Amino acid sequence: MRIYLTDEFAASDRLRFSMRANHIYILFSSLIHISLGSYLRVSAKQRWANLQTAASLFLFISTGLVIAAFLAEFKMGLDRPVTLLAMVLASGGTLLHAFIAYRSGTELSDRF
C-alpha cells in the first residue's frame, strides 16, 4: 500500500484511516477464530451444540463479510453497511459462544 497508494493517502486522511480500520477488522476476526479454536469444547447437549454451530456460522460469515468489505466497500464515506453487519455478526457469535460456555460451566459445576 505504501507503494501503490502513497498519493491517495497523502490526499485523504479518511482513506488512510479507513484502510487501517479494515485491516484491524480482519485482524479482529482472525483473533476471534484463534481464541475460539483454542478453547472451544462442544457441548454434550444437542441444543447447546446446535447453538454453538450457529454462533460459529455467524463468525465465519462475519469474516467473509469483512474481507468482502475490504475489497469492495467504498472507503471515503462514513456509511459502511457491510462492515457494520460483519461486526454485529462477530459480536453476536462471540457473545453466543460465551453464553453457552457459561451455561455449560454452571451445569458442570452443579453436578459436582
PDB file of N, CA and C in Angstrom:
ATOM      1  N   MET A   1       0.829  -1.183   0.000  1.00  0.00           N
ATOM      2  CA  MET A   1       0.000   0.000   0.000  1.00  0.00           C
ATOM      3  C   MET A   1       0.876   1.249   0.000  1.00  0.00           C
ATOM      4  N   ARG A   2       2.006   1.156   0.637  1.00  0.00           N
ATOM      5  CA  ARG A   2       2.884   2.316   0.677  1.00  0.00           C
ATOM      6  C   ARG A   2       3.374   2.676  -0.732  1.00  0.00           C
ATOM      7  N   ILE A   3       3.511   1.677  -1.589  1.00  0.00           N
ATOM      8  CA  ILE A   3       3.990   1.931  -2.947  1.00  0.00           C
ATOM      9  C   ILE A   3       2.859   2.406  -3.851  1.00  0.00           C
ATOM     10  N   TYR A   4       1.707   1.724  -3.787  1.00  0.00           N
ATOM     11  CA  TYR A   4       0.632   1.976  -4.747  1.00  0.00           C
ATOM     12  C   TYR A   4      -0.319   3.094  -4.334  1.00  0.00           C
ATOM     13  N   LEU A   5      -0.472   3.342  -3.052  1.00  0.00           N
ATOM     14  CA  LEU A   5      -1.476   4.304  -2.602  1.00  0.00           C
ATOM     15  C   LEU A   5      -0.880   5.516  -1.883  1.00  0.00           C
ATOM     16  N   THR A   6       0.372   5.802  -2.090  1.00  0.00           N
ATOM     17  CA  THR A   6       1.037   6.899  -1.394  1.00  0.00           C
ATOM     18  C   THR A   6       0.352   8.231  -1.660  1.00  0.00           C
ATOM     19  N   ASP A   7       0.048   8.527  -2.913  1.00  0.00           N
ATOM     20  CA  ASP A   7      -0.570   9.812  -3.254  1.00  0.00           C
ATOM     21  C   ASP A   7      -1.979   9.921  -2.682  1.00  0.00           C
ATOM     22  N   GLU A   8      -2.726   8.827  -2.739  1.00  0.00           N
ATOM     23  CA  GLU A   8      -4.086   8.846  -2.204  1.00  0.00           C
ATOM     24  C   GLU A   8      -4.088   9.021  -0.688  1.00  0.00           C
ATOM     25  N   PHE A   9      -3.142   8.380  -0.008  1.00  0.00           N
ATOM     26  CA  PHE A   9      -3.051   8.521   1.445  1.00  0.00           C
ATOM     27  C   PHE A   9      -2.657   9.934   1.835  1.00  0.00           C
ATOM     28  N   ALA A  10      -1.769  10.543   1.066  1.00  0.00           N
ATOM     29  CA  ALA A  10      -1.359  11.913   1.355  1.00  0.00           C
ATOM     30  C   ALA A  10      -2.518  12.888   1.146  1.00  0.00           C
ATOM     31  N   ALA A  11      -3.395  12.583   0.208  1.00  0.00           N
ATOM     32  CA  ALA A  11      -4.503  13.484  -0.094  1.00  0.00           C
ATOM     33  C   ALA A  11      -5.677  13.323   0.860  1.00  0.00           C
ATOM     34  N   SER A  12      -5.833  12.162   1.466  1.00  0.00           N
ATOM     35  CA  SER A  12      -7.036  11.915   2.261  1.00  0.00           C
ATOM     36  C   SER A  12      -6.726  11.114   3.519  1.00  0.00           C
ATOM     37  N   ASP A  13      -6.917  11.771   4.660  1.00  0.00           N
ATOM     38  CA  ASP A  13      -6.769  11.053   5.928  1.00  0.00           C
ATOM     39  C   ASP A  13      -7.876  10.029   6.109  1.00  0.00           C
ATOM     40  N   ARG A  14      -9.067  10.337   5.601  1.00  0.00           N
ATOM     41  CA  ARG A  14     -10.194   9.412   5.749  1.00  0.00           C
ATOM     42  C   ARG A  14      -9.897   8.075   5.059  1.00  0.00           C
ATOM     43  N   LEU A  15      -9.321   8.113   3.870  1.00  0.00           N
ATOM     44  CA  LEU A  15      -8.963   6.880   3.167  1.00  0.00           C
ATOM     45  C   LEU A  15      -7.916   6.107   3.950  1.00  0.00           C
ATOM     46  N   ARG A  16      -6.918   6.794   4.453  1.00  0.00           N
ATOM     47  CA  ARG A  16      -5.852   6.129   5.200  1.00  0.00           C
ATOM     48  C   ARG A  16      -6.388   5.467   6.468  1.00  0.00           C
ATOM     49  N   PHE A  17      -7.213   6.183   7.226  1.00  0.00           N
ATOM     50  CA  PHE A  17      -7.786   5.609   8.449  1.00  0.00           C
ATOM     51  C   PHE A  17      -8.756   4.482   8.142  1.00  0.00           C
ATOM     52  N   SER A  18      -9.486   4.605   7.053  1.00  0.00           N
ATOM     53  CA  SER A  18     -10.429   3.561   6.662  1.00  0.00           C
ATOM     54  C   SER A  18      -9.694   2.276   6.287  1.00  0.00           C
ATOM     55  N   MET A  19      -8.610   2.410   5.572  1.00  0.00           N
ATOM     56  CA  MET A  19      -7.818   1.230   5.213  1.00  0.00           C
ATOM     57  C   MET A  19      -7.219   0.576   6.463  1.00  0.00           C
ATOM     58  N   ARG A  20      -6.753   1.386   7.392  1.00  0.00           N
ATOM     59  CA  ARG A  20      -6.218   0.831   8.637  1.00  0.00           C
ATOM     60  C   ARG A  20      -7.312   0.130   9.428  1.00  0.00           C
ATOM     61  N   ALA A  21      -8.486   0.741   9.477  1.00  0.00           N
ATOM     62  CA  ALA A  21      -9.606   0.133  10.200  1.00  0.00           C
ATOM     63  C   ALA A  21      -9.973  -1.208   9.581  1.00  0.00           C
ATOM     64  N   ASN A  22      -9.983  -1.288   8.254  1.00  0.00           N
ATOM     65  CA  ASN A  22     -10.295  -2.560   7.604  1.00  0.00           C
ATOM     66  C   ASN A  22      -9.288  -3.639   7.983  1.00  0.00           C
ATOM     67  N   HIS A  23      -8.033  -3.287   8.060  1.00  0.00           N
ATOM     68  CA  HIS A  23      -7.020  -4.257   8.462  1.00  0.00           C
ATOM     69  C   HIS A  23      -7.239  -4.697   9.913  1.00  0.00           C
ATOM     70  N   ILE A  24      -7.631  -3.771  10.762  1.00  0.00           N
ATOM     71  CA  ILE A  24      -7.892  -4.113  12.158  1.00  0.00           C
ATOM     72  C   ILE A  24      -9.101  -5.022  12.270  1.00  0.00           C
ATOM     73  N   TYR A  25     -10.133  -4.799  11.454  1.00  0.00           N
ATOM     74  CA  TYR A  25     -11.308  -5.676  11.470  1.00  0.00           C
ATOM     75  C   TYR A  25     -10.945  -7.094  11.044  1.00  0.00           C
ATOM     76  N   ILE A  26     -10.090  -7.227  10.043  1.00  0.00           N
ATOM     77  CA  ILE A  26      -9.646  -8.557   9.616  1.00  0.00           C
ATOM     78  C   ILE A  26      -8.822  -9.212  10.724  1.00  0.00           C
ATOM     79  N   LEU A  27      -7.953  -8.455  11.372  1.00  0.00           N
ATOM     80  CA  LEU A  27      -7.173  -8.973  12.492  1.00  0.00           C
ATOM     81  C   LEU A  27      -8.096  -9.396  13.627  1.00  0.00           C
ATOM     82  N   PHE A  28      -9.101  -8.582  13.930  1.00  0.00           N
ATOM     83  CA  PHE A  28     -10.088  -8.893  14.969  1.00  0.00           C
ATOM     84  C   PHE A  28     -10.770 -10.227  14.676  1.00  0.00           C
ATOM     85  N   SER A  29     -11.191 -10.427  13.448  1.00  0.00           N
ATOM     86  CA  SER A  29     -11.854 -11.677  13.076  1.00  0.00           C
ATOM     87  C   SER A  29     -10.917 -12.872  13.227  1.00  0.00           C
ATOM     88  N   SER A  30      -9.688 -12.713  12.814  1.00  0.00           N
ATOM     89  CA  SER A  30      -8.746 -13.828  12.929  1.00  0.00           C
ATOM     90  C   SER A  30      -8.436 -14.144  14.390  1.00  0.00           C
ATOM     91  N   LEU A  31      -8.339 -13.129  15.238  1.00  0.00           N
ATOM     92  CA  LEU A  31      -8.082 -13.378  16.658  1.00  0.00           C
ATOM     93  C   LEU A  31      -9.260 -14.068  17.331  1.00  0.00           C
ATOM     94  N   ILE A  32     -10.478 -13.740  16.926  1.00  0.00           N
ATOM     95  CA  ILE A  32     -11.644 -14.440  17.459  1.00  0.00           C
ATOM     96  C   ILE A  32     -11.574 -15.919  17.094  1.00  0.00           C
ATOM     97  N   HIS A  33     -11.239 -16.217  15.841  1.00  0.00           N
ATOM     98  CA  HIS A  33     -11.156 -17.617  15.400  1.00  0.00           C
ATOM     99  C   HIS A  33     -10.042 -18.366  16.128  1.00  0.00           C
ATOM    100  N   ILE A  34      -8.907 -17.725  16.328  1.00  0.00           N
ATOM    101  CA  ILE A  34      -7.800 -18.377  17.031  1.00  0.00           C
ATOM    102  C   ILE A  34      -8.174 -18.669  18.475  1.00  0.00           C
ATOM    103  N   SER A  35      -8.747 -17.688  19.150  1.00  0.00           N
ATOM    104  CA  SER A  35      -9.109 -17.909  20.551  1.00  0.00           C
ATOM    105  C   SER A  35     -10.229 -18.927  20.689  1.00  0.00           C
ATOM    106  N   LEU A  36     -11.187 -18.892  19.807  1.00  0.00           N
ATOM    107  CA  LEU A  36     -12.272 -19.863  19.859  1.00  0.00           C
ATOM    108  C   LEU A  36     -11.756 -21.274  19.569  1.00  0.00           C
ATOM    109  N   GLY A  37     -10.874 -21.385  18.602  1.00  0.00           N
ATOM    110  CA  GLY A  37     -10.306 -22.689  18.282  1.00  0.00           C
ATOM    111  C   GLY A  37      -9.468 -23.257  19.411  1.00  0.00           C
ATOM    112  N   SER A  38      -8.895 -22.389  20.226  1.00  0.00           N
ATOM    113  CA  SER A  38      -8.072 -22.854  21.345  1.00  0.00           C
ATOM    114  C   SER A  38      -8.893 -23.353  22.513  1.00  0.00           C
ATOM    115  N   TYR A  39     -10.071 -22.764  22.724  1.00  0.00           N
ATOM    116  CA  TYR A  39     -10.809 -23.042  23.951  1.00  0.00           C
ATOM    117  C   TYR A  39     -12.170 -23.689  23.756  1.00  0.00           C
ATOM    118  N   LEU A  40     -12.603 -23.893  22.552  1.00  0.00           N
ATOM    119  CA  LEU A  40     -13.952 -24.415  22.318  1.00  0.00           C
ATOM    120  C   LEU A  40     -14.060 -25.869  22.746  1.00  0.00           C
ATOM    121  N   ARG A  41     -15.097 -26.134  23.505  1.00  0.00           N
ATOM    122  CA  ARG A  41     -15.487 -27.508  23.848  1.00  0.00           C
ATOM    123  C   ARG A  41     -16.929 -27.658  23.422  1.00  0.00           C
ATOM    124  N   VAL A  42     -17.168 -28.586  22.532  1.00  0.00           N
ATOM    125  CA  VAL A  42     -18.524 -28.793  22.032  1.00  0.00           C
ATOM    126  C   VAL A  42     -19.370 -29.366  23.164  1.00  0.00           C
ATOM    127  N   SER A  43     -20.537 -28.776  23.335  1.00  0.00           N
ATOM    128  CA  SER A  43     -21.433 -29.173  24.409  1.00  0.00           C
ATOM    129  C   SER A  43     -21.977 -30.581  24.175  1.00  0.00           C
ATOM    130  N   ALA A  44     -22.218 -31.280  25.267  1.00  0.00           N
ATOM    131  CA  ALA A  44     -22.794 -32.629  25.170  1.00  0.00           C
ATOM    132  C   ALA A  44     -24.282 -32.579  24.849  1.00  0.00           C
ATOM    133  N   LYS A  45     -24.933 -31.497  25.251  1.00  0.00           N
ATOM    134  CA  LYS A  45     -26.362 -31.357  24.958  1.00  0.00           C
ATOM    135  C   LYS A  45     -26.534 -30.897  23.516  1.00  0.00           C
ATOM    136  N   GLN A  46     -27.452 -31.547  22.824  1.00  0.00           N
ATOM    137  CA  GLN A  46     -27.625 -31.277  21.397  1.00  0.00           C
ATOM    138  C   GLN A  46     -28.063 -29.834  21.120  1.00  0.00           C
ATOM    139  N   ARG A  47     -28.953 -29.280  21.936  1.00  0.00           N
ATOM    140  CA  ARG A  47     -29.428 -27.912  21.659  1.00  0.00           C
ATOM    141  C   ARG A  47     -28.308 -26.895  21.834  1.00  0.00           C
ATOM    142  N   TRP A  48     -27.428 -27.105  22.839  1.00  0.00           N
ATOM    143  CA  TRP A  48     -26.301 -26.192  23.009  1.00  0.00           C
ATOM    144  C   TRP A  48     -25.282 -26.369  21.884  1.00  0.00           C
ATOM    145  N   ALA A  49     -25.090 -27.598  21.443  1.00  0.00           N
ATOM    146  CA  ALA A  49     -24.177 -27.855  20.324  1.00  0.00           C
ATOM    147  C   ALA A  49     -24.700 -27.204  19.042  1.00  0.00           C
ATOM    148  N   ASN A  50     -26.014 -27.242  18.846  1.00  0.00           N
ATOM    149  CA  ASN A  50     -26.603 -26.573  17.677  1.00  0.00           C
ATOM    150  C   ASN A  50     -26.418 -25.065  17.752  1.00  0.00           C
ATOM    151  N   LEU A  51     -26.574 -24.492  18.946  1.00  0.00           N
ATOM    152  CA  LEU A  51     -26.334 -23.054  19.110  1.00  0.00           C
ATOM    153  C   LEU A  51     -24.866 -22.705  18.889  1.00  0.00           C
ATOM    154  N   GLN A  52     -23.964 -23.581  19.327  1.00  0.00           N
ATOM    155  CA  GLN A  52     -22.543 -23.351  19.058  1.00  0.00           C
ATOM    156  C   GLN A  52     -22.256 -23.359  17.560  1.00  0.00           C
ATOM    157  N   THR A  53     -22.913 -24.256  16.844  1.00  0.00           N
ATOM    158  CA  THR A  53     -22.752 -24.294  15.387  1.00  0.00           C
ATOM    159  C   THR A  53     -23.266 -23.010  14.753  1.00  0.00           C
ATOM    160  N   ALA A  54     -24.412 -22.532  15.209  1.00  0.00           N
ATOM    161  CA  ALA A  54     -24.957 -21.282  14.676  1.00  0.00           C
ATOM    162  C   ALA A  54     -24.034 -20.100  14.986  1.00  0.00           C
ATOM    163  N   ALA A  55     -23.492 -20.061  16.197  1.00  0.00           N
ATOM    164  CA  ALA A  55     -22.571 -18.984  16.566  1.00  0.00           C
ATOM    165  C   ALA A  55     -21.305 -19.036  15.711  1.00  0.00           C
ATOM    166  N   SER A  56     -20.808 -20.234  15.453  1.00  0.00           N
ATOM    167  CA  SER A  56     -19.623 -20.370  14.592  1.00  0.00           C
ATOM    168  C   SER A  56     -19.928 -19.935  13.163  1.00  0.00           C
ATOM    169  N   LEU A  57     -21.129 -20.235  12.679  1.00  0.00           N
ATOM    170  CA  LEU A  57     -21.522 -19.764  11.346  1.00  0.00           C
ATOM    171  C   LEU A  57     -21.578 -18.244  11.300  1.00  0.00           C
ATOM    172  N   PHE A  58     -22.089 -17.617  12.362  1.00  0.00           N
ATOM    173  CA  PHE A  58     -22.078 -16.153  12.431  1.00  0.00           C
ATOM    174  C   PHE A  58     -20.659 -15.626  12.282  1.00  0.00           C
ATOM    175  N   LEU A  59     -19.718 -16.273  12.973  1.00  0.00           N
ATOM    176  CA  LEU A  59     -18.329 -15.814  12.923  1.00  0.00           C
ATOM    177  C   LEU A  59     -17.706 -16.033  11.546  1.00  0.00           C
ATOM    178  N   PHE A  60     -17.989 -17.164  10.916  1.00  0.00           N
ATOM    179  CA  PHE A  60     -17.443 -17.411   9.574  1.00  0.00           C
ATOM    180  C   PHE A  60     -18.033 -16.442   8.549  1.00  0.00           C
ATOM    181  N   ILE A  61     -19.328 -16.199   8.637  1.00  0.00           N
ATOM    182  CA  ILE A  61     -19.963 -15.240   7.718  1.00  0.00           C
ATOM    183  C   ILE A  61     -19.398 -13.853   7.958  1.00  0.00           C
ATOM    184  N   SER A  62     -19.197 -13.510   9.214  1.00  0.00           N
ATOM    185  CA  SER A  62     -18.625 -12.207   9.555  1.00  0.00           C
ATOM    186  C   SER A  62     -17.239 -12.025   8.939  1.00  0.00           C
ATOM    187  N   THR A  63     -16.426 -13.048   9.020  1.00  0.00           N
ATOM    188  CA  THR A  63     -15.081 -12.963   8.441  1.00  0.00           C
ATOM    189  C   THR A  63     -15.140 -12.780   6.927  1.00  0.00           C
ATOM    190  N   GLY A  64     -16.016 -13.520   6.281  1.00  0.00           N
ATOM    191  CA  GLY A  64     -16.183 -13.348   4.831  1.00  0.00           C
ATOM    192  C   GLY A  64     -16.665 -11.951   4.473  1.00  0.00           C
ATOM    193  N   LEU A  65     -17.577 -11.410   5.273  1.00  0.00           N
ATOM    194  CA  LEU A  65     -18.078 -10.057   5.012  1.00  0.00           C
ATOM    195  C   LEU A  65     -17.001  -8.994   5.237  1.00  0.00           C
ATOM    196  N   VAL A  66     -16.165  -9.192   6.242  1.00  0.00           N
ATOM    197  CA  VAL A  66     -15.081  -8.233   6.491  1.00  0.00           C
ATOM    198  C   VAL A  66     -14.109  -8.210   5.316  1.00  0.00           C
ATOM    199  N   ILE A  67     -13.790  -9.376   4.799  1.00  0.00           N
ATOM    200  CA  ILE A  67     -12.880  -9.441   3.654  1.00  0.00           C
ATOM    201  C   ILE A  67     -13.544  -8.843   2.409  1.00  0.00           C
ATOM    202  N   ALA A  68     -14.824  -9.142   2.206  1.00  0.00           N
ATOM    203  CA  ALA A  68     -15.552  -8.558   1.076  1.00  0.00           C
ATOM    204  C   ALA A  68     -15.629  -7.038   1.209  1.00  0.00           C
ATOM    205  N   ALA A  69     -15.856  -6.552   2.420  1.00  0.00           N
ATOM    206  CA  ALA A  69     -15.916  -5.105   2.632  1.00  0.00           C
ATOM    207  C   ALA A  69     -14.559  -4.466   2.359  1.00  0.00           C
ATOM    208  N   PHE A  70     -13.499  -5.143   2.719  1.00  0.00           N
ATOM    209  CA  PHE A  70     -12.164  -4.623   2.441  1.00  0.00           C
ATOM    210  C   PHE A  70     -11.940  -4.456   0.946  1.00  0.00           C
ATOM    211  N   LEU A  71     -12.436  -5.397   0.178  1.00  0.00           N
ATOM    212  CA  LEU A  71     -12.203  -5.358  -1.266  1.00  0.00           C
ATOM    213  C   LEU A  71     -13.187  -4.462  -2.005  1.00  0.00           C
ATOM    214  N   ALA A  72     -14.441  -4.381  -1.547  1.00  0.00           N
ATOM    215  CA  ALA A  72     -15.466  -3.750  -2.382  1.00  0.00           C
ATOM    216  C   ALA A  72     -16.117  -2.512  -1.792  1.00  0.00           C
ATOM    217  N   GLU A  73     -16.070  -2.331  -0.497  1.00  0.00           N
ATOM    218  CA  GLU A  73     -16.827  -1.232   0.097  1.00  0.00           C
ATOM    219  C   GLU A  73     -16.132   0.109  -0.131  1.00  0.00           C
ATOM    220  N   PHE A  74     -16.936   1.140  -0.313  1.00  0.00           N
ATOM    221  CA  PHE A  74     -16.439   2.487  -0.555  1.00  0.00           C
ATOM    222  C   PHE A  74     -15.728   2.996   0.691  1.00  0.00           C
ATOM    223  N   LYS A  75     -14.503   3.443   0.554  1.00  0.00           N
ATOM    224  CA  LYS A  75     -13.676   3.780   1.707  1.00  0.00           C
ATOM    225  C   LYS A  75     -13.689   5.258   2.075  1.00  0.00           C
ATOM    226  N   MET A  76     -14.287   6.086   1.257  1.00  0.00           N
ATOM    227  CA  MET A  76     -14.250   7.522   1.530  1.00  0.00           C
ATOM    228  C   MET A  76     -15.456   8.006   2.337  1.00  0.00           C
ATOM    229  N   GLY A  77     -16.495   7.220   2.411  1.00  0.00           N
ATOM    230  CA  GLY A  77     -17.682   7.646   3.143  1.00  0.00           C
ATOM    231  C   GLY A  77     -17.730   7.072   4.546  1.00  0.00           C
ATOM    232  N   LEU A  78     -18.632   7.628   5.331  1.00  0.00           N
ATOM    233  CA  LEU A  78     -18.815   7.130   6.689  1.00  0.00           C
ATOM    234  C   LEU A  78     -19.810   5.982   6.752  1.00  0.00           C
ATOM    235  N   ASP A  79     -20.646   5.846   5.739  1.00  0.00           N
ATOM    236  CA  ASP A  79     -21.653   4.801   5.709  1.00  0.00           C
ATOM    237  C   ASP A  79     -21.034   3.524   5.152  1.00  0.00           C
ATOM    238  N   ARG A  80     -20.882   2.514   6.017  1.00  0.00           N
ATOM    239  CA  ARG A  80     -20.253   1.247   5.618  1.00  0.00           C
ATOM    240  C   ARG A  80     -21.106   0.098   6.132  1.00  0.00           C
ATOM    241  N   PRO A  81     -22.203  -0.207   5.429  1.00  0.00           N
ATOM    242  CA  PRO A  81     -23.166  -1.189   5.942  1.00  0.00           C
ATOM    243  C   PRO A  81     -22.636  -2.621   5.997  1.00  0.00           C
ATOM    244  N   VAL A  82     -21.770  -3.003   5.088  1.00  0.00           N
ATOM    245  CA  VAL A  82     -21.241  -4.377   5.101  1.00  0.00           C
ATOM    246  C   VAL A  82     -20.335  -4.575   6.322  1.00  0.00           C
ATOM    247  N   THR A  83     -19.511  -3.594   6.615  1.00  0.00           N
ATOM    248  CA  THR A  83     -18.645  -3.673   7.788  1.00  0.00           C
ATOM    249  C   THR A  83     -19.473  -3.691   9.064  1.00  0.00           C
ATOM    250  N   LEU A  84     -20.512  -2.878   9.115  1.00  0.00           N
ATOM    251  CA  LEU A  84     -21.385  -2.864  10.286  1.00  0.00           C
ATOM    252  C   LEU A  84     -22.038  -4.223  10.498  1.00  0.00           C
ATOM    253  N   LEU A  85     -22.578  -4.811   9.437  1.00  0.00           N
ATOM    254  CA  LEU A  85     -23.198  -6.127   9.539  1.00  0.00           C
ATOM    255  C   LEU A  85     -22.180  -7.175   9.994  1.00  0.00           C
ATOM    256  N   ALA A  86     -20.973  -7.104   9.474  1.00  0.00           N
ATOM    257  CA  ALA A  86     -19.927  -8.056   9.858  1.00  0.00           C
ATOM    258  C   ALA A  86     -19.594  -7.942  11.339  1.00  0.00           C
ATOM    259  N   MET A  87     -19.499  -6.726  11.853  1.00  0.00           N
ATOM    260  CA  MET A  87     -19.169  -6.540  13.264  1.00  0.00           C
ATOM    261  C   MET A  87     -20.326  -6.953  14.176  1.00  0.00           C
ATOM    262  N   VAL A  88     -21.556  -6.744  13.733  1.00  0.00           N
ATOM    263  CA  VAL A  88     -22.708  -7.200  14.512  1.00  0.00           C
ATOM    264  C   VAL A  88     -22.729  -8.728  14.570  1.00  0.00           C
ATOM    265  N   LEU A  89     -22.486  -9.386  13.446  1.00  0.00           N
ATOM    266  CA  LEU A  89     -22.435 -10.850  13.430  1.00  0.00           C
ATOM    267  C   LEU A  89     -21.292 -11.382  14.284  1.00  0.00           C
ATOM    268  N   ALA A  90     -20.131 -10.732  14.221  1.00  0.00           N
ATOM    269  CA  ALA A  90     -18.989 -11.170  15.037  1.00  0.00           C
ATOM    270  C   ALA A  90     -19.292 -11.008  16.519  1.00  0.00           C
ATOM    271  N   SER A  91     -19.890  -9.901  16.883  1.00  0.00           N
ATOM    272  CA  SER A  91     -20.244  -9.684  18.290  1.00  0.00           C
ATOM    273  C   SER A  91     -21.300 -10.681  18.743  1.00  0.00           C
ATOM    274  N   GLY A  92     -22.301 -10.903  17.915  1.00  0.00           N
ATOM    275  CA  GLY A  92     -23.351 -11.855  18.263  1.00  0.00           C
ATOM    276  C   GLY A  92     -22.813 -13.272  18.402  1.00  0.00           C
ATOM    277  N   GLY A  93     -21.971 -13.698  17.473  1.00  0.00           N
ATOM    278  CA  GLY A  93     -21.391 -15.039  17.547  1.00  0.00           C
ATOM    279  C   GLY A  93     -20.501 -15.217  18.762  1.00  0.00           C
ATOM    280  N   THR A  94     -19.710 -14.192  19.073  1.00  0.00           N
ATOM    281  CA  THR A  94     -18.829 -14.266  20.231  1.00  0.00           C
ATOM    282  C   THR A  94     -19.633 -14.310  21.526  1.00  0.00           C
ATOM    283  N   LEU A  95     -20.645 -13.448  21.639  1.00  0.00           N
ATOM    284  CA  LEU A  95     -21.474 -13.435  22.847  1.00  0.00           C
ATOM    285  C   LEU A  95     -22.258 -14.736  23.007  1.00  0.00           C
ATOM    286  N   LEU A  96     -22.723 -15.292  21.896  1.00  0.00           N
ATOM    287  CA  LEU A  96     -23.442 -16.560  21.972  1.00  0.00           C
ATOM    288  C   LEU A  96     -22.526 -17.686  22.441  1.00  0.00           C
ATOM    289  N   HIS A  97     -21.305 -17.720  21.929  1.00  0.00           N
ATOM    290  CA  HIS A  97     -20.339 -18.726  22.400  1.00  0.00           C
ATOM    291  C   HIS A  97     -20.030 -18.525  23.885  1.00  0.00           C
ATOM    292  N   ALA A  98     -19.876 -17.273  24.310  1.00  0.00           N
ATOM    293  CA  ALA A  98     -19.592 -17.000  25.722  1.00  0.00           C
ATOM    294  C   ALA A  98     -20.759 -17.430  26.607  1.00  0.00           C
ATOM    295  N   PHE A  99     -21.975 -17.156  26.166  1.00  0.00           N
ATOM    296  CA  PHE A  99     -23.157 -17.547  26.926  1.00  0.00           C
ATOM    297  C   PHE A  99     -23.235 -19.067  27.069  1.00  0.00           C
ATOM    298  N   ILE A 100     -23.007 -19.775  25.979  1.00  0.00           N
ATOM    299  CA  ILE A 100     -23.069 -21.238  26.011  1.00  0.00           C
ATOM    300  C   ILE A 100     -21.960 -21.797  26.902  1.00  0.00           C
ATOM    301  N   ALA A 101     -20.775 -21.223  26.828  1.00  0.00           N
ATOM    302  CA  ALA A 101     -19.677 -21.687  27.688  1.00  0.00           C
ATOM    303  C   ALA A 101     -20.016 -21.441  29.152  1.00  0.00           C
ATOM    304  N   TYR A 102     -20.634 -20.315  29.457  1.00  0.00           N
ATOM    305  CA  TYR A 102     -21.027 -20.019  30.832  1.00  0.00           C
ATOM    306  C   TYR A 102     -22.092 -20.998  31.307  1.00  0.00           C
ATOM    307  N   ARG A 103     -23.097 -21.242  30.467  1.00  0.00           N
ATOM    308  CA  ARG A 103     -24.175 -22.164  30.833  1.00  0.00           C
ATOM    309  C   ARG A 103     -23.635 -23.587  31.001  1.00  0.00           C
ATOM    310  N   SER A 104     -22.755 -24.001  30.132  1.00  0.00           N
ATOM    311  CA  SER A 104     -22.185 -25.343  30.245  1.00  0.00           C
ATOM    312  C   SER A 104     -21.331 -25.469  31.502  1.00  0.00           C
ATOM    313  N   GLY A 105     -20.631 -24.406  31.842  1.00  0.00           N
ATOM    314  CA  GLY A 105     -19.807 -24.411  33.047  1.00  0.00           C
ATOM    315  C   GLY A 105     -20.638 -24.491  34.309  1.00  0.00           C
ATOM    316  N   THR A 106     -21.783 -23.803  34.343  1.00  0.00           N
ATOM    317  CA  THR A 106     -22.633 -23.867  35.529  1.00  0.00           C
ATOM    318  C   THR A 106     -23.307 -25.225  35.633  1.00  0.00           C
ATOM    319  N   GLU A 107     -23.645 -25.820  34.495  1.00  0.00           N
ATOM    320  CA  GLU A 107     -24.248 -27.157  34.532  1.00  0.00           C
ATOM    321  C   GLU A 107     -23.245 -28.173  35.033  1.00  0.00           C
ATOM    322  N   LEU A 108     -21.994 -28.055  34.644  1.00  0.00           N
ATOM    323  CA  LEU A 108     -20.978 -28.987  35.116  1.00  0.00           C
ATOM    324  C   LEU A 108     -20.707 -28.792  36.593  1.00  0.00           C
ATOM    325  N   SER A 109     -20.665 -27.536  37.050  1.00  0.00           N
ATOM    326  CA  SER A 109     -20.376 -27.298  38.462  1.00  0.00           C
ATOM    327  C   SER A 109     -21.542 -27.705  39.353  1.00  0.00           C
ATOM    328  N   ASP A 110     -22.772 -27.727  38.828  1.00  0.00           N
ATOM    329  CA  ASP A 110     -23.911 -28.174  39.614  1.00  0.00           C
ATOM    330  C   ASP A 110     -23.861 -29.677  39.874  1.00  0.00           C
ATOM    331  N   ARG A 111     -23.228 -30.422  39.012  1.00  0.00           N
ATOM    332  CA  ARG A 111     -23.158 -31.877  39.159  1.00  0.00           C
ATOM    333  C   ARG A 111     -22.190 -32.302  40.244  1.00  0.00           C
ATOM    334  N   PHE A 112     -21.180 -31.506  40.509  1.00  0.00           N
ATOM    335  CA  PHE A 112     -20.144 -31.903  41.466  1.00  0.00           C
ATOM    336  C   PHE A 112     -20.427 -31.391  42.849  1.00  0.00           C
TER     337      PHE A 112
END
